[in-house]
Amino acid sequence: MKPTLTILAAIALLAGASAQQSKTPSKGVQKATIVVDNGFKPDTINVKAGRPVQITFDTKHKACISSVVFAGMNLKKPLTDGKKTVVTFTPKKAGTYAFACPMKMMKGKVVAK
């Protein structure tokens, strides 16, 4: 009788976990990866306003992109070849959140709708 109860308990736990996992993505962190290789690829990310955004900058060859700067949010993170740098923020309202290299020659944007 114990194996039957154990199996039923496991099924109940899995069903509950499955239900939680299906709800999490709709309200959870929005993730994106931008490759830094003599520029930002892709240079535009679309997200939903009011939800946290986590962007991983995967730096292959930074060239003159020594850091990524989100000027409107007073946010700056240094970039290093061969490393990943994570930037997290929450766009509180719809709009465009621009980012660039320190000299503003390489640019990108996060568009929140």
N, C-alpha and C. Protein backbone atom coordinates (compact mmCIF):
# COMPACT_ATOMS: atom_id res chain seq x y z
N MET A 1 0.81 -1.19 0.00
CA MET A 1 0.00 0.00 0.00
C MET A 1 0.86 1.26 0.00
N LYS A 2 2.02 1.22 0.60
CA LYS A 2 2.89 2.38 0.61
C LYS A 2 3.30 2.82 -0.80
N PRO A 3 3.67 1.89 -1.70
CA PRO A 3 4.05 2.32 -3.04
C PRO A 3 2.93 3.09 -3.73
N THR A 4 1.68 2.69 -3.54
CA THR A 4 0.56 3.38 -4.18
C THR A 4 0.44 4.80 -3.66
N LEU A 5 0.54 4.97 -2.33
CA LEU A 5 0.47 6.31 -1.75
C LEU A 5 1.64 7.17 -2.21
N THR A 6 2.81 6.59 -2.30
CA THR A 6 3.99 7.33 -2.73
C THR A 6 3.82 7.80 -4.16
N ILE A 7 3.32 6.93 -5.02
CA ILE A 7 3.11 7.29 -6.43
C ILE A 7 2.05 8.38 -6.54
N LEU A 8 0.96 8.26 -5.79
CA LEU A 8 -0.09 9.28 -5.83
C LEU A 8 0.44 10.61 -5.31
N ALA A 9 1.23 10.59 -4.26
CA ALA A 9 1.80 11.82 -3.72
C ALA A 9 2.74 12.47 -4.73
N ALA A 10 3.55 11.66 -5.40
CA ALA A 10 4.47 12.17 -6.42
C ALA A 10 3.70 12.81 -7.57
N ILE A 11 2.61 12.16 -8.00
CA ILE A 11 1.79 12.70 -9.09
C ILE A 11 1.18 14.04 -8.67
N ALA A 12 0.69 14.12 -7.44
CA ALA A 12 0.10 15.36 -6.94
C ALA A 12 1.14 16.48 -6.89
N LEU A 13 2.36 16.16 -6.45
CA LEU A 13 3.42 17.16 -6.40
C LEU A 13 3.80 17.63 -7.79
N LEU A 14 3.92 16.68 -8.72
CA LEU A 14 4.27 17.04 -10.09
C LEU A 14 3.18 17.89 -10.73
N ALA A 15 1.94 17.57 -10.48
CA ALA A 15 0.83 18.35 -11.04
C ALA A 15 0.86 19.77 -10.50
N GLY A 16 1.12 19.92 -9.21
CA GLY A 16 1.21 21.25 -8.61
C GLY A 16 2.39 22.03 -9.16
N ALA A 17 3.53 21.39 -9.31
CA ALA A 17 4.72 22.05 -9.85
C ALA A 17 4.49 22.45 -11.30
N SER A 18 3.83 21.59 -12.06
CA SER A 18 3.54 21.89 -13.46
C SER A 18 2.63 23.10 -13.58
N ALA A 19 1.64 23.18 -12.70
CA ALA A 19 0.72 24.32 -12.73
C ALA A 19 1.46 25.61 -12.39
N GLN A 20 2.40 25.56 -11.43
CA GLN A 20 3.17 26.74 -11.07
C GLN A 20 4.08 27.17 -12.21
N GLN A 21 4.72 26.23 -12.86
CA GLN A 21 5.64 26.55 -13.94
C GLN A 21 4.89 27.20 -15.11
N SER A 22 3.69 26.78 -15.39
CA SER A 22 2.97 27.36 -16.51
C SER A 22 2.54 28.80 -16.21
N LYS A 23 2.37 29.16 -14.93
CA LYS A 23 1.99 30.53 -14.57
C LYS A 23 3.20 31.45 -14.53
N THR A 24 4.34 30.94 -14.15
CA THR A 24 5.53 31.77 -13.96
C THR A 24 5.96 32.53 -15.20
N PRO A 25 6.06 31.92 -16.38
CA PRO A 25 6.55 32.66 -17.53
C PRO A 25 5.71 33.89 -17.89
N SER A 26 4.41 33.87 -17.66
CA SER A 26 3.59 35.01 -18.04
C SER A 26 3.84 36.22 -17.16
N LYS A 27 4.31 36.03 -15.92
CA LYS A 27 4.55 37.15 -15.03
C LYS A 27 6.00 37.21 -14.57
N GLY A 28 6.83 36.30 -15.02
CA GLY A 28 8.21 36.23 -14.55
C GLY A 28 9.14 37.15 -15.32
N VAL A 29 10.41 36.92 -15.12
CA VAL A 29 11.46 37.72 -15.74
C VAL A 29 11.52 37.42 -17.24
N GLN A 30 11.59 38.47 -18.02
CA GLN A 30 11.75 38.34 -19.47
C GLN A 30 13.24 38.31 -19.75
N LYS A 31 13.72 37.25 -20.41
CA LYS A 31 15.15 37.09 -20.64
C LYS A 31 15.49 37.23 -22.12
N ALA A 32 16.63 37.85 -22.37
CA ALA A 32 17.14 37.99 -23.73
C ALA A 32 18.66 37.97 -23.69
N THR A 33 19.25 37.56 -24.80
CA THR A 33 20.71 37.57 -24.92
C THR A 33 21.08 38.43 -26.11
N ILE A 34 22.04 39.30 -25.90
CA ILE A 34 22.58 40.13 -26.97
C ILE A 34 24.06 39.78 -27.10
N VAL A 35 24.47 39.41 -28.30
CA VAL A 35 25.88 39.10 -28.55
C VAL A 35 26.59 40.41 -28.88
N VAL A 36 27.70 40.63 -28.20
CA VAL A 36 28.53 41.81 -28.45
C VAL A 36 29.70 41.33 -29.30
N ASP A 37 29.70 41.72 -30.57
CA ASP A 37 30.75 41.33 -31.51
C ASP A 37 30.89 42.47 -32.52
N ASN A 38 31.68 43.47 -32.14
CA ASN A 38 31.80 44.70 -32.94
C ASN A 38 30.46 45.38 -33.13
N GLY A 39 29.56 45.21 -32.21
CA GLY A 39 28.22 45.78 -32.24
C GLY A 39 27.31 44.94 -31.37
N PHE A 40 26.04 45.32 -31.32
CA PHE A 40 25.05 44.59 -30.53
C PHE A 40 24.16 43.79 -31.48
N LYS A 41 24.05 42.47 -31.25
CA LYS A 41 23.26 41.60 -32.13
C LYS A 41 22.37 40.69 -31.31
N PRO A 42 21.06 40.86 -31.34
CA PRO A 42 20.31 41.88 -32.07
C PRO A 42 20.44 43.23 -31.38
N ASP A 43 20.08 44.29 -32.10
CA ASP A 43 20.18 45.61 -31.50
C ASP A 43 18.83 46.12 -30.98
N THR A 44 17.79 45.31 -31.12
CA THR A 44 16.47 45.66 -30.59
C THR A 44 15.85 44.46 -29.88
N ILE A 45 15.36 44.70 -28.66
CA ILE A 45 14.68 43.67 -27.88
C ILE A 45 13.28 44.20 -27.57
N ASN A 46 12.26 43.39 -27.79
CA ASN A 46 10.88 43.77 -27.47
C ASN A 46 10.45 43.05 -26.20
N VAL A 47 9.88 43.81 -25.26
CA VAL A 47 9.45 43.27 -23.98
C VAL A 47 8.09 43.85 -23.60
N LYS A 48 7.54 43.34 -22.51
CA LYS A 48 6.29 43.87 -21.96
C LYS A 48 6.62 44.80 -20.80
N ALA A 49 6.00 45.98 -20.80
CA ALA A 49 6.22 46.95 -19.73
C ALA A 49 5.68 46.41 -18.41
N GLY A 50 6.32 46.81 -17.32
CA GLY A 50 5.87 46.41 -15.98
C GLY A 50 6.41 45.08 -15.50
N ARG A 51 7.15 44.38 -16.35
CA ARG A 51 7.74 43.09 -15.96
C ARG A 51 9.25 43.19 -16.00
N PRO A 52 9.95 42.54 -15.07
CA PRO A 52 11.42 42.60 -15.05
C PRO A 52 12.03 42.05 -16.34
N VAL A 53 13.14 42.66 -16.73
CA VAL A 53 13.88 42.25 -17.93
C VAL A 53 15.30 41.91 -17.50
N GLN A 54 15.79 40.78 -18.00
CA GLN A 54 17.17 40.37 -17.73
C GLN A 54 17.85 40.17 -19.08
N ILE A 55 18.80 41.04 -19.38
CA ILE A 55 19.54 40.95 -20.64
C ILE A 55 20.95 40.47 -20.34
N THR A 56 21.35 39.40 -21.03
CA THR A 56 22.71 38.90 -20.91
C THR A 56 23.49 39.38 -22.13
N PHE A 57 24.52 40.17 -21.88
CA PHE A 57 25.40 40.63 -22.94
C PHE A 57 26.55 39.62 -23.03
N ASP A 58 26.53 38.81 -24.09
CA ASP A 58 27.52 37.76 -24.32
C ASP A 58 28.63 38.36 -25.19
N THR A 59 29.71 38.76 -24.56
CA THR A 59 30.75 39.52 -25.27
C THR A 59 31.76 38.58 -25.93
N LYS A 60 31.75 38.59 -27.26
CA LYS A 60 32.71 37.81 -28.06
C LYS A 60 33.93 38.68 -28.38
N HIS A 61 33.65 39.85 -28.98
CA HIS A 61 34.70 40.81 -29.32
C HIS A 61 34.12 42.20 -29.12
N LYS A 62 34.50 42.84 -28.04
CA LYS A 62 33.88 44.12 -27.68
C LYS A 62 34.34 45.28 -28.54
N ALA A 63 35.52 45.19 -29.13
CA ALA A 63 36.10 46.30 -29.90
C ALA A 63 36.07 47.54 -29.02
N CYS A 64 35.39 48.61 -29.45
CA CYS A 64 35.37 49.84 -28.64
C CYS A 64 34.25 49.85 -27.61
N ILE A 65 33.49 48.76 -27.52
CA ILE A 65 32.38 48.71 -26.58
C ILE A 65 32.90 48.24 -25.22
N SER A 66 33.53 49.15 -24.50
CA SER A 66 34.12 48.79 -23.20
C SER A 66 33.06 48.58 -22.13
N SER A 67 31.88 49.17 -22.36
CA SER A 67 30.77 48.98 -21.44
C SER A 67 29.46 49.25 -22.17
N VAL A 68 28.37 48.82 -21.54
CA VAL A 68 27.04 49.11 -22.07
C VAL A 68 26.43 50.14 -21.14
N VAL A 69 25.86 51.20 -21.75
CA VAL A 69 25.33 52.32 -20.98
C VAL A 69 23.85 52.52 -21.32
N PHE A 70 23.01 52.44 -20.28
CA PHE A 70 21.60 52.78 -20.39
C PHE A 70 21.50 54.18 -19.78
N ALA A 71 21.71 55.22 -20.58
CA ALA A 71 21.82 56.59 -20.07
C ALA A 71 20.55 57.06 -19.36
N GLY A 72 19.40 56.73 -19.90
CA GLY A 72 18.14 57.17 -19.31
C GLY A 72 17.87 56.57 -17.95
N MET A 73 18.57 55.50 -17.62
CA MET A 73 18.38 54.84 -16.32
C MET A 73 19.60 54.97 -15.42
N ASN A 74 20.60 55.73 -15.89
CA ASN A 74 21.83 55.90 -15.13
C ASN A 74 22.44 54.54 -14.77
N LEU A 75 22.52 53.65 -15.78
CA LEU A 75 22.99 52.28 -15.60
C LEU A 75 24.15 52.03 -16.55
N LYS A 76 25.28 51.58 -16.01
CA LYS A 76 26.46 51.30 -16.82
C LYS A 76 27.13 50.03 -16.31
N LYS A 77 27.44 49.10 -17.24
CA LYS A 77 28.11 47.85 -16.87
C LYS A 77 29.31 47.63 -17.79
N PRO A 78 30.48 47.33 -17.23
CA PRO A 78 31.65 47.05 -18.06
C PRO A 78 31.50 45.69 -18.77
N LEU A 79 32.08 45.60 -19.97
CA LEU A 79 32.04 44.36 -20.75
C LEU A 79 33.46 43.84 -20.94
N THR A 80 33.60 42.51 -20.93
CA THR A 80 34.90 41.86 -21.09
C THR A 80 34.77 40.75 -22.12
N ASP A 81 35.71 40.70 -23.06
CA ASP A 81 35.70 39.63 -24.06
C ASP A 81 35.67 38.26 -23.39
N GLY A 82 34.84 37.37 -23.91
CA GLY A 82 34.76 36.01 -23.39
C GLY A 82 33.90 35.87 -22.14
N LYS A 83 33.25 36.93 -21.72
CA LYS A 83 32.42 36.87 -20.51
C LYS A 83 31.00 37.33 -20.80
N LYS A 84 30.10 36.92 -19.92
CA LYS A 84 28.70 37.33 -20.00
C LYS A 84 28.41 38.31 -18.88
N THR A 85 27.72 39.38 -19.23
CA THR A 85 27.36 40.42 -18.27
C THR A 85 25.85 40.54 -18.25
N VAL A 86 25.26 40.48 -17.07
CA VAL A 86 23.80 40.53 -16.95
C VAL A 86 23.36 41.91 -16.47
N VAL A 87 22.37 42.45 -17.17
CA VAL A 87 21.75 43.72 -16.80
C VAL A 87 20.28 43.43 -16.52
N THR A 88 19.80 43.85 -15.37
CA THR A 88 18.40 43.61 -14.99
C THR A 88 17.74 44.93 -14.63
N PHE A 89 16.54 45.14 -15.16
CA PHE A 89 15.76 46.32 -14.83
C PHE A 89 14.29 46.05 -15.14
N THR A 90 13.42 46.92 -14.67
CA THR A 90 12.00 46.78 -14.95
C THR A 90 11.52 48.06 -15.65
N PRO A 91 11.12 47.93 -16.93
CA PRO A 91 10.56 49.10 -17.61
C PRO A 91 9.16 49.35 -17.07
N LYS A 92 9.00 50.40 -16.29
CA LYS A 92 7.74 50.65 -15.59
C LYS A 92 6.61 51.06 -16.53
N LYS A 93 6.96 51.68 -17.66
CA LYS A 93 5.92 52.08 -18.61
C LYS A 93 6.39 51.79 -20.03
N ALA A 94 5.45 51.79 -20.96
CA ALA A 94 5.77 51.55 -22.37
C ALA A 94 6.69 52.65 -22.88
N GLY A 95 7.59 52.27 -23.75
CA GLY A 95 8.52 53.24 -24.33
C GLY A 95 9.79 52.57 -24.81
N THR A 96 10.73 53.38 -25.25
CA THR A 96 12.00 52.88 -25.75
C THR A 96 13.10 53.20 -24.75
N TYR A 97 13.86 52.20 -24.38
CA TYR A 97 14.96 52.33 -23.44
C TYR A 97 16.25 52.07 -24.22
N ALA A 98 16.97 53.15 -24.53
CA ALA A 98 18.15 53.05 -25.38
C ALA A 98 19.39 52.64 -24.58
N PHE A 99 20.28 51.90 -25.25
CA PHE A 99 21.58 51.60 -24.68
C PHE A 99 22.63 51.80 -25.76
N ALA A 100 23.87 51.99 -25.35
CA ALA A 100 24.94 52.26 -26.31
C ALA A 100 26.29 52.00 -25.67
N CYS A 101 27.33 52.09 -26.50
CA CYS A 101 28.69 52.08 -25.98
C CYS A 101 28.95 53.47 -25.40
N PRO A 102 30.02 53.65 -24.63
CA PRO A 102 30.26 54.96 -24.01
C PRO A 102 30.36 56.12 -25.02
N MET A 103 30.82 55.85 -26.24
CA MET A 103 30.94 56.92 -27.24
C MET A 103 29.67 57.08 -28.09
N LYS A 104 28.68 56.24 -27.83
CA LYS A 104 27.38 56.28 -28.54
C LYS A 104 27.49 55.97 -30.03
N MET A 105 28.52 55.22 -30.41
CA MET A 105 28.66 54.83 -31.82
C MET A 105 27.92 53.52 -32.10
N MET A 106 27.92 52.61 -31.14
CA MET A 106 27.18 51.34 -31.24
C MET A 106 25.96 51.48 -30.36
N LYS A 107 24.77 51.25 -30.95
CA LYS A 107 23.53 51.52 -30.22
C LYS A 107 22.57 50.34 -30.31
N GLY A 108 21.65 50.33 -29.35
CA GLY A 108 20.58 49.35 -29.33
C GLY A 108 19.43 49.91 -28.52
N LYS A 109 18.35 49.12 -28.43
CA LYS A 109 17.21 49.60 -27.66
C LYS A 109 16.36 48.43 -27.18
N VAL A 110 15.69 48.70 -26.07
CA VAL A 110 14.70 47.80 -25.52
C VAL A 110 13.37 48.52 -25.69
N VAL A 111 12.45 47.89 -26.42
CA VAL A 111 11.14 48.50 -26.67
C VAL A 111 10.12 47.79 -25.78
N ALA A 112 9.54 48.54 -24.86
CA ALA A 112 8.54 48.00 -23.93
C ALA A 112 7.15 48.41 -24.41
N LYS A 113 6.26 47.43 -24.50
CA LYS A 113 4.89 47.70 -24.96
C LYS A 113 3.90 47.36 -23.87
